[in-house]
Amino acid sequence: MLLPLAAVATAALVALHLVGERRGAPALRAAGKLGASAVFLAVGVAAGTEGPFRRAILVALVLSALGDALLLSRRKPLFLGGLVAFLLAHVAYALALWPASRPSALAGGAILVATAQVLGWLWPHAGELRPAVVAYAGVIAAMVWLALGVDRNPIRAGAVLFWLSDLAVARDRFVRPGFVNPLVGLPLYYAAQLLLASAAG
């Protein structure tokens, strides 16, 4: 029952954020985004904190919420802080998934090819942030690979949705800024976090 309620609350808060984004209203943007992040944190806490798996998932959720707060700004230092927060979140997710994962070489090869294509797309636009982008792409690729090796569909779906949402963030920051990026990316991102948070239960 908790997950459907969380999904409805998240949808409403993401809509609030998007309205604020469209209207150029910082207070609405912040309230919607941080509220939606608070929802997935609540789902993660409700799933429990017993054992290394659940604790690592909760750490990943907290780091993600921090990244959400930092990425409310387009200022470069805060963007870099958000990038680091999400990189560490993916590390925490990977550490949580590692013991239960049986990753396949085929999935690894497909992810490697996809990551190379994404880096080729971003490379001309990333400038001095190229090392950070490469590091981030490598970490999320590893997380997705481990997630696909776990025999739990919410974890697999959550990881893939997270990766897709990050493409929207990268497009907005490096390639073509615009409202379409959060319009597509944020629903994918919050769906991913809810799936990963609920999978800890």
C-alpha atoms as a PDB file:
ATOM      1  CA  MET A   1       0.000   0.000   0.000  1.00  0.00           C
ATOM      2  CA  LEU A   2       2.878   2.370   0.747  1.00  0.00           C
ATOM      3  CA  LEU A   3       4.363   2.302  -2.752  1.00  0.00           C
ATOM      4  CA  PRO A   4       1.142   3.337  -4.600  1.00  0.00           C
ATOM      5  CA  LEU A   5       0.632   6.204  -2.160  1.00  0.00           C
ATOM      6  CA  ALA A   6       4.253   7.230  -2.545  1.00  0.00           C
ATOM      7  CA  ALA A   7       3.912   7.130  -6.334  1.00  0.00           C
ATOM      8  CA  VAL A   8       0.846   9.413  -6.255  1.00  0.00           C
ATOM      9  CA  ALA A   9       2.535  11.864  -3.883  1.00  0.00           C
ATOM     10  CA  THR A  10       5.684  11.855  -5.992  1.00  0.00           C
ATOM     11  CA  ALA A  11       3.753  12.483  -9.207  1.00  0.00           C
ATOM     12  CA  ALA A  12       2.030  15.496  -7.632  1.00  0.00           C
ATOM     13  CA  LEU A  13       5.309  16.906  -6.313  1.00  0.00           C
ATOM     14  CA  VAL A  14       7.137  16.373  -9.599  1.00  0.00           C
ATOM     15  CA  ALA A  15       4.272  18.166 -11.353  1.00  0.00           C
ATOM     16  CA  LEU A  16       4.678  21.050  -8.886  1.00  0.00           C
ATOM     17  CA  HIS A  17       8.385  21.203  -9.650  1.00  0.00           C
ATOM     18  CA  LEU A  18       7.763  21.193 -13.394  1.00  0.00           C
ATOM     19  CA  VAL A  19       5.236  24.021 -13.067  1.00  0.00           C
ATOM     20  CA  GLY A  20       7.847  25.993 -11.156  1.00  0.00           C
ATOM     21  CA  GLU A  21      10.423  25.173 -13.832  1.00  0.00           C
ATOM     22  CA  ARG A  22       8.123  26.350 -16.590  1.00  0.00           C
ATOM     23  CA  ARG A  23       7.138  29.545 -14.790  1.00  0.00           C
ATOM     24  CA  GLY A  24      10.586  30.365 -13.490  1.00  0.00           C
ATOM     25  CA  ALA A  25       9.421  30.085  -9.882  1.00  0.00           C
ATOM     26  CA  PRO A  26      12.343  28.926  -7.692  1.00  0.00           C
ATOM     27  CA  ALA A  27      10.212  28.279  -4.598  1.00  0.00           C
ATOM     28  CA  LEU A  28       7.884  25.932  -6.490  1.00  0.00           C
ATOM     29  CA  ARG A  29      10.852  24.188  -8.113  1.00  0.00           C
ATOM     30  CA  ALA A  30      12.517  23.593  -4.769  1.00  0.00           C
ATOM     31  CA  ALA A  31       9.359  22.551  -2.933  1.00  0.00           C
ATOM     32  CA  GLY A  32       8.375  20.054  -5.609  1.00  0.00           C
ATOM     33  CA  LYS A  33      11.776  18.487  -6.107  1.00  0.00           C
ATOM     34  CA  LEU A  34      12.827  18.292  -2.469  1.00  0.00           C
ATOM     35  CA  GLY A  35       9.384  17.054  -1.490  1.00  0.00           C
ATOM     36  CA  ALA A  36       9.560  14.264  -4.062  1.00  0.00           C
ATOM     37  CA  SER A  37      13.017  13.331  -2.781  1.00  0.00           C
ATOM     38  CA  ALA A  38      11.668  13.230   0.769  1.00  0.00           C
ATOM     39  CA  VAL A  39       9.094  10.693  -0.399  1.00  0.00           C
ATOM     40  CA  PHE A  40      11.649   8.189  -1.685  1.00  0.00           C
ATOM     41  CA  LEU A  41      13.656   8.694   1.508  1.00  0.00           C
ATOM     42  CA  ALA A  42      10.543   7.855   3.516  1.00  0.00           C
ATOM     43  CA  VAL A  43       9.976   4.720   1.439  1.00  0.00           C
ATOM     44  CA  GLY A  44      13.578   3.686   2.032  1.00  0.00           C
ATOM     45  CA  VAL A  45      13.312   4.213   5.787  1.00  0.00           C
ATOM     46  CA  ALA A  46       9.989   2.324   5.892  1.00  0.00           C
ATOM     47  CA  ALA A  47      11.681  -0.608   4.140  1.00  0.00           C
ATOM     48  CA  GLY A  48      13.979  -0.913   7.142  1.00  0.00           C
ATOM     49  CA  THR A  49      17.627  -0.393   7.995  1.00  0.00           C
ATOM     50  CA  GLU A  50      18.560  -3.897   9.109  1.00  0.00           C
ATOM     51  CA  GLY A  51      21.522  -5.469   7.377  1.00  0.00           C
ATOM     52  CA  PRO A  52      24.200  -4.113   5.035  1.00  0.00           C
ATOM     53  CA  PHE A  53      21.964  -4.244   1.943  1.00  0.00           C
ATOM     54  CA  ARG A  54      19.256  -2.003   3.369  1.00  0.00           C
ATOM     55  CA  ARG A  55      21.752   0.356   4.976  1.00  0.00           C
ATOM     56  CA  ALA A  56      23.662   0.785   1.706  1.00  0.00           C
ATOM     57  CA  ILE A  57      20.399   1.462  -0.149  1.00  0.00           C
ATOM     58  CA  LEU A  58      19.474   4.094   2.426  1.00  0.00           C
ATOM     59  CA  VAL A  59      22.905   5.729   2.086  1.00  0.00           C
ATOM     60  CA  ALA A  60      22.376   5.841  -1.690  1.00  0.00           C
ATOM     61  CA  LEU A  61      18.967   7.463  -1.233  1.00  0.00           C
ATOM     62  CA  VAL A  62      20.342  10.107   1.147  1.00  0.00           C
ATOM     63  CA  LEU A  63      23.177  10.935  -1.269  1.00  0.00           C
ATOM     64  CA  SER A  64      20.674  11.136  -4.118  1.00  0.00           C
ATOM     65  CA  ALA A  65      18.493  13.560  -2.161  1.00  0.00           C
ATOM     66  CA  LEU A  66      21.592  15.680  -1.527  1.00  0.00           C
ATOM     67  CA  GLY A  67      22.341  15.608  -5.249  1.00  0.00           C
ATOM     68  CA  ASP A  68      18.777  16.702  -5.997  1.00  0.00           C
ATOM     69  CA  ALA A  69      19.199  19.725  -3.734  1.00  0.00           C
ATOM     70  CA  LEU A  70      22.516  20.709  -5.304  1.00  0.00           C
ATOM     71  CA  LEU A  71      21.239  20.331  -8.865  1.00  0.00           C
ATOM     72  CA  LEU A  72      18.477  22.842  -8.251  1.00  0.00           C
ATOM     73  CA  SER A  73      21.171  25.360  -9.186  1.00  0.00           C
ATOM     74  CA  ARG A  74      22.876  25.577 -12.557  1.00  0.00           C
ATOM     75  CA  ARG A  75      26.006  27.090 -10.990  1.00  0.00           C
ATOM     76  CA  LYS A  76      29.077  25.049 -11.840  1.00  0.00           C
ATOM     77  CA  PRO A  77      30.337  24.386  -8.266  1.00  0.00           C
ATOM     78  CA  LEU A  78      26.917  23.164  -7.169  1.00  0.00           C
ATOM     79  CA  PHE A  79      26.560  21.080 -10.322  1.00  0.00           C
ATOM     80  CA  LEU A  80      29.894  19.433  -9.550  1.00  0.00           C
ATOM     81  CA  GLY A  81      28.769  18.829  -5.984  1.00  0.00           C
ATOM     82  CA  GLY A  82      25.605  17.214  -7.279  1.00  0.00           C
ATOM     83  CA  LEU A  83      27.626  15.085  -9.672  1.00  0.00           C
ATOM     84  CA  VAL A  84      29.826  13.861  -6.816  1.00  0.00           C
ATOM     85  CA  ALA A  85      26.777  13.143  -4.625  1.00  0.00           C
ATOM     86  CA  PHE A  86      25.176  11.042  -7.338  1.00  0.00           C
ATOM     87  CA  LEU A  87      28.457   9.310  -8.150  1.00  0.00           C
ATOM     88  CA  LEU A  88      28.717   8.263  -4.496  1.00  0.00           C
ATOM     89  CA  ALA A  89      25.059   7.229  -4.545  1.00  0.00           C
ATOM     90  CA  HIS A  90      25.774   4.887  -7.439  1.00  0.00           C
ATOM     91  CA  VAL A  91      28.772   3.500  -5.565  1.00  0.00           C
ATOM     92  CA  ALA A  92      26.500   2.815  -2.583  1.00  0.00           C
ATOM     93  CA  TYR A  93      23.924   1.123  -4.835  1.00  0.00           C
ATOM     94  CA  ALA A  94      26.665  -0.977  -6.430  1.00  0.00           C
ATOM     95  CA  LEU A  95      27.976  -2.059  -3.024  1.00  0.00           C
ATOM     96  CA  ALA A  96      24.459  -3.005  -1.968  1.00  0.00           C
ATOM     97  CA  LEU A  97      23.857  -5.067  -5.120  1.00  0.00           C
ATOM     98  CA  TRP A  98      27.270  -6.711  -5.423  1.00  0.00           C
ATOM     99  CA  PRO A  99      26.679  -9.700  -3.097  1.00  0.00           C
ATOM    100  CA  ALA A 100      23.407 -10.697  -4.782  1.00  0.00           C
ATOM    101  CA  SER A 101      24.425  -9.987  -8.369  1.00  0.00           C
ATOM    102  CA  ARG A 102      25.303 -12.535 -11.010  1.00  0.00           C
ATOM    103  CA  PRO A 103      26.136 -10.147 -13.864  1.00  0.00           C
ATOM    104  CA  SER A 104      26.451 -11.499 -17.373  1.00  0.00           C
ATOM    105  CA  ALA A 105      29.201 -10.798 -19.872  1.00  0.00           C
ATOM    106  CA  LEU A 106      26.573 -10.101 -22.555  1.00  0.00           C
ATOM    107  CA  ALA A 107      24.928  -7.385 -20.468  1.00  0.00           C
ATOM    108  CA  GLY A 108      28.363  -6.006 -19.649  1.00  0.00           C
ATOM    109  CA  GLY A 109      29.259  -5.757 -23.314  1.00  0.00           C
ATOM    110  CA  ALA A 110      25.989  -4.029 -24.190  1.00  0.00           C
ATOM    111  CA  ILE A 111      26.422  -1.533 -21.355  1.00  0.00           C
ATOM    112  CA  LEU A 112      30.014  -0.861 -22.393  1.00  0.00           C
ATOM    113  CA  VAL A 113      28.930  -0.096 -25.957  1.00  0.00           C
ATOM    114  CA  ALA A 114      26.086   2.145 -24.757  1.00  0.00           C
ATOM    115  CA  THR A 115      28.416   4.002 -22.389  1.00  0.00           C
ATOM    116  CA  ALA A 116      30.951   4.583 -25.161  1.00  0.00           C
ATOM    117  CA  GLN A 117      28.195   6.013 -27.360  1.00  0.00           C
ATOM    118  CA  VAL A 118      26.998   8.324 -24.595  1.00  0.00           C
ATOM    119  CA  LEU A 119      30.538   9.567 -23.957  1.00  0.00           C
ATOM    120  CA  GLY A 120      31.018  10.160 -27.672  1.00  0.00           C
ATOM    121  CA  TRP A 121      27.813  12.216 -27.664  1.00  0.00           C
ATOM    122  CA  LEU A 122      28.835  14.301 -24.643  1.00  0.00           C
ATOM    123  CA  TRP A 123      32.569  14.643 -25.342  1.00  0.00           C
ATOM    124  CA  PRO A 124      32.428  17.697 -27.644  1.00  0.00           C
ATOM    125  CA  HIS A 125      30.259  19.551 -25.117  1.00  0.00           C
ATOM    126  CA  ALA A 126      31.739  18.599 -21.743  1.00  0.00           C
ATOM    127  CA  GLY A 127      34.905  20.725 -21.899  1.00  0.00           C
ATOM    128  CA  GLU A 128      36.894  20.729 -18.675  1.00  0.00           C
ATOM    129  CA  LEU A 129      34.276  18.504 -17.027  1.00  0.00           C
ATOM    130  CA  ARG A 130      35.232  15.556 -19.253  1.00  0.00           C
ATOM    131  CA  PRO A 131      37.108  13.655 -16.508  1.00  0.00           C
ATOM    132  CA  ALA A 132      34.136  13.993 -14.156  1.00  0.00           C
ATOM    133  CA  VAL A 133      31.735  12.882 -16.869  1.00  0.00           C
ATOM    134  CA  VAL A 134      33.866   9.829 -17.702  1.00  0.00           C
ATOM    135  CA  ALA A 135      34.100   8.862 -14.034  1.00  0.00           C
ATOM    136  CA  TYR A 136      30.368   9.253 -13.539  1.00  0.00           C
ATOM    137  CA  ALA A 137      29.523   7.305 -16.690  1.00  0.00           C
ATOM    138  CA  GLY A 138      31.779   4.459 -15.582  1.00  0.00           C
ATOM    139  CA  VAL A 139      30.269   4.249 -12.112  1.00  0.00           C
ATOM    140  CA  ILE A 140      26.649   4.276 -13.251  1.00  0.00           C
ATOM    141  CA  ALA A 141      27.477   1.710 -15.943  1.00  0.00           C
ATOM    142  CA  ALA A 142      28.888  -0.589 -13.266  1.00  0.00           C
ATOM    143  CA  MET A 143      25.817  -0.048 -11.087  1.00  0.00           C
ATOM    144  CA  VAL A 144      23.437  -0.882 -13.932  1.00  0.00           C
ATOM    145  CA  TRP A 145      25.472  -3.978 -14.833  1.00  0.00           C
ATOM    146  CA  LEU A 146      25.291  -5.251 -11.257  1.00  0.00           C
ATOM    147  CA  ALA A 147      21.581  -4.426 -11.016  1.00  0.00           C
ATOM    148  CA  LEU A 148      20.803  -6.425 -14.163  1.00  0.00           C
ATOM    149  CA  GLY A 149      22.482  -9.386 -12.507  1.00  0.00           C
ATOM    150  CA  VAL A 150      20.098  -9.321  -9.541  1.00  0.00           C
ATOM    151  CA  ASP A 151      17.039 -11.543  -9.789  1.00  0.00           C
ATOM    152  CA  ARG A 152      14.610  -8.804  -8.722  1.00  0.00           C
ATOM    153  CA  ASN A 153      12.741  -6.947 -11.443  1.00  0.00           C
ATOM    154  CA  PRO A 154      12.203  -3.700  -9.458  1.00  0.00           C
ATOM    155  CA  ILE A 155      15.962  -3.384  -9.010  1.00  0.00           C
ATOM    156  CA  ARG A 156      16.647  -4.042 -12.685  1.00  0.00           C
ATOM    157  CA  ALA A 157      13.971  -1.585 -13.813  1.00  0.00           C
ATOM    158  CA  GLY A 158      15.038   1.031 -11.284  1.00  0.00           C
ATOM    159  CA  ALA A 159      18.660   0.963 -12.398  1.00  0.00           C
ATOM    160  CA  VAL A 160      17.800   1.261 -16.098  1.00  0.00           C
ATOM    161  CA  LEU A 161      15.356   4.106 -15.455  1.00  0.00           C
ATOM    162  CA  PHE A 162      18.007   5.872 -13.385  1.00  0.00           C
ATOM    163  CA  TRP A 163      20.468   5.605 -16.263  1.00  0.00           C
ATOM    164  CA  LEU A 164      17.910   6.964 -18.727  1.00  0.00           C
ATOM    165  CA  SER A 165      17.076   9.871 -16.423  1.00  0.00           C
ATOM    166  CA  ASP A 166      20.767  10.754 -16.232  1.00  0.00           C
ATOM    167  CA  LEU A 167      20.838  11.071 -20.008  1.00  0.00           C
ATOM    168  CA  ALA A 168      18.203  13.794 -19.713  1.00  0.00           C
ATOM    169  CA  VAL A 169      20.310  15.584 -17.074  1.00  0.00           C
ATOM    170  CA  ALA A 170      23.392  15.341 -19.297  1.00  0.00           C
ATOM    171  CA  ARG A 171      21.482  16.640 -22.313  1.00  0.00           C
ATOM    172  CA  ASP A 172      20.203  19.584 -20.296  1.00  0.00           C
ATOM    173  CA  ARG A 173      23.603  20.474 -18.853  1.00  0.00           C
ATOM    174  CA  PHE A 174      25.860  19.837 -21.833  1.00  0.00           C
ATOM    175  CA  VAL A 175      23.982  19.534 -25.124  1.00  0.00           C
ATOM    176  CA  ARG A 176      20.620  21.277 -25.369  1.00  0.00           C
ATOM    177  CA  PRO A 177      19.095  22.890 -22.274  1.00  0.00           C
ATOM    178  CA  GLY A 178      15.331  23.049 -22.231  1.00  0.00           C
ATOM    179  CA  PHE A 179      12.142  22.178 -20.430  1.00  0.00           C
ATOM    180  CA  VAL A 180      11.791  18.872 -22.271  1.00  0.00           C
ATOM    181  CA  ASN A 181      14.750  17.463 -20.341  1.00  0.00           C
ATOM    182  CA  PRO A 182      13.234  17.621 -16.838  1.00  0.00           C
ATOM    183  CA  LEU A 183       9.813  16.873 -18.306  1.00  0.00           C
ATOM    184  CA  VAL A 184      11.128  13.498 -19.482  1.00  0.00           C
ATOM    185  CA  GLY A 185      13.940  12.896 -17.039  1.00  0.00           C
ATOM    186  CA  LEU A 186      12.389  13.657 -13.660  1.00  0.00           C
ATOM    187  CA  PRO A 187       9.494  11.159 -13.878  1.00  0.00           C
ATOM    188  CA  LEU A 188      12.012   8.486 -14.903  1.00  0.00           C
ATOM    189  CA  TYR A 189      14.328   9.438 -12.064  1.00  0.00           C
ATOM    190  CA  TYR A 190      11.717   9.402  -9.317  1.00  0.00           C
ATOM    191  CA  ALA A 191      10.214   6.167 -10.610  1.00  0.00           C
ATOM    192  CA  ALA A 192      13.715   4.688 -10.434  1.00  0.00           C
ATOM    193  CA  GLN A 193      14.308   5.832  -6.883  1.00  0.00           C
ATOM    194  CA  LEU A 194      10.937   4.561  -5.670  1.00  0.00           C
ATOM    195  CA  LEU A 195      11.609   1.150  -7.221  1.00  0.00           C
ATOM    196  CA  LEU A 196      15.067   0.931  -5.690  1.00  0.00           C
ATOM    197  CA  ALA A 197      13.868   2.197  -2.307  1.00  0.00           C
ATOM    198  CA  SER A 198      10.957  -0.237  -2.167  1.00  0.00           C
ATOM    199  CA  ALA A 199      13.160  -3.132  -3.310  1.00  0.00           C
ATOM    200  CA  ALA A 200      15.081  -2.811  -0.050  1.00  0.00           C
ATOM    201  CA  GLY A 201      12.085  -4.163   1.837  1.00  0.00           C
END
